[in-house]
Amino acid sequence: HQDVPTKLVAKAVPLPMTVRGHWFLSPRTEYTVAVQTASKQVDGDYVVSEWSEIIEFCTADYSKVHLTQLLEKAEVIAGRM
């Protein structure tokens, strides 16, 4: 478990909204996530929200697709050796 600060900057859209981000997560790893929003005001300043609830989750093992990709990469490297 490692505390790694991460930022996702997204364009504001009208509510209700879903902001989608993309992180590359490691298998069998525990993560803790909290969200904070910032809204730009007319005068150029930003209004920053409080932090959201903290969500904790653990990723699963590699999927079959990921294992197949790893196998293909290993075969290519082995072929060069």
Protein backbone atom coordinates (compact mmCIF):
# COMPACT_ATOMS: atom_id res chain seq x y z
CA HIS A 1 0.00 0.00 0.00
CA GLN A 2 1.46 3.33 -1.03
CA ASP A 3 0.14 6.88 -0.72
CA VAL A 4 0.53 8.38 -4.20
CA PRO A 5 -1.04 11.81 -4.83
CA THR A 6 -2.95 11.78 -8.09
CA LYS A 7 -4.90 14.50 -9.87
CA LEU A 8 -7.67 14.12 -12.41
CA VAL A 9 -8.63 17.37 -14.11
CA ALA A 10 -11.92 17.27 -15.95
CA LYS A 11 -14.04 19.83 -17.74
CA ALA A 12 -17.07 20.87 -15.73
CA VAL A 13 -20.40 19.63 -17.06
CA PRO A 14 -23.94 20.35 -15.85
CA LEU A 15 -25.33 18.23 -13.02
CA PRO A 16 -26.12 15.38 -12.84
CA MET A 17 -22.74 14.40 -14.18
CA THR A 18 -20.25 11.59 -14.21
CA VAL A 19 -16.58 12.42 -14.43
CA ARG A 20 -14.58 9.60 -15.91
CA GLY A 21 -10.89 9.23 -15.29
CA HIS A 22 -8.35 6.65 -16.25
CA TRP A 23 -5.79 5.20 -13.90
CA PHE A 24 -3.60 2.19 -14.52
CA LEU A 25 -4.03 0.11 -11.38
CA SER A 26 -1.89 -2.81 -10.28
CA PRO A 27 -3.49 -6.19 -9.54
CA ARG A 28 -3.98 -7.27 -5.91
CA THR A 29 -3.30 -3.78 -4.61
CA GLU A 30 -5.21 -1.78 -2.00
CA TYR A 31 -6.23 1.75 -2.99
CA THR A 32 -7.79 4.66 -1.11
CA VAL A 33 -9.60 7.36 -3.11
CA ALA A 34 -11.11 10.71 -2.15
CA VAL A 35 -12.44 13.38 -4.52
CA GLN A 36 -12.35 17.16 -4.39
CA THR A 37 -13.81 19.56 -6.94
CA ALA A 38 -12.81 23.09 -7.95
CA SER A 39 -15.12 25.51 -9.77
CA LYS A 40 -13.71 28.53 -11.57
CA GLN A 41 -15.56 31.73 -10.76
CA VAL A 42 -16.17 34.76 -13.01
CA ASP A 43 -13.37 36.69 -11.25
CA GLY A 44 -10.90 33.89 -12.04
CA ASP A 45 -10.70 32.51 -8.51
CA TYR A 46 -11.62 28.92 -7.70
CA VAL A 47 -14.07 27.60 -5.13
CA VAL A 48 -12.77 24.28 -3.83
CA SER A 49 -15.07 21.70 -2.24
CA GLU A 50 -14.42 19.67 0.87
CA TRP A 51 -12.98 16.19 0.32
CA SER A 52 -15.49 13.44 -0.39
CA GLU A 53 -15.88 10.32 1.67
CA ILE A 54 -12.86 8.05 1.45
CA ILE A 55 -13.42 4.94 -0.65
CA GLU A 56 -11.15 1.94 -0.10
CA PHE A 57 -10.95 -0.98 -2.50
CA CYS A 58 -8.61 -3.74 -3.58
CA THR A 59 -8.02 -4.74 -7.19
CA ALA A 60 -8.36 -8.36 -8.26
CA ASP A 61 -5.84 -10.63 -9.97
CA TYR A 62 -4.90 -10.16 -13.61
CA SER A 63 -7.77 -10.83 -16.01
CA LYS A 64 -7.45 -13.47 -18.74
CA VAL A 65 -7.03 -10.68 -21.31
CA HIS A 66 -4.13 -9.17 -19.36
CA LEU A 67 -2.50 -12.58 -18.90
CA THR A 68 -2.76 -13.21 -22.64
CA GLN A 69 -1.15 -9.83 -23.35
CA LEU A 70 1.69 -10.62 -20.92
CA LEU A 71 2.21 -14.02 -22.54
CA GLU A 72 2.37 -12.46 -26.02
CA LYS A 73 4.92 -9.87 -24.83
CA ALA A 74 7.03 -12.58 -23.18
CA GLU A 75 6.96 -14.69 -26.36
CA VAL A 76 8.11 -11.70 -28.46
CA ILE A 77 10.97 -10.97 -26.04
CA ALA A 78 11.95 -14.65 -25.85
CA GLY A 79 12.02 -14.79 -29.64
CA ARG A 80 14.59 -11.96 -29.71
CA MET A 81 16.92 -13.71 -27.25
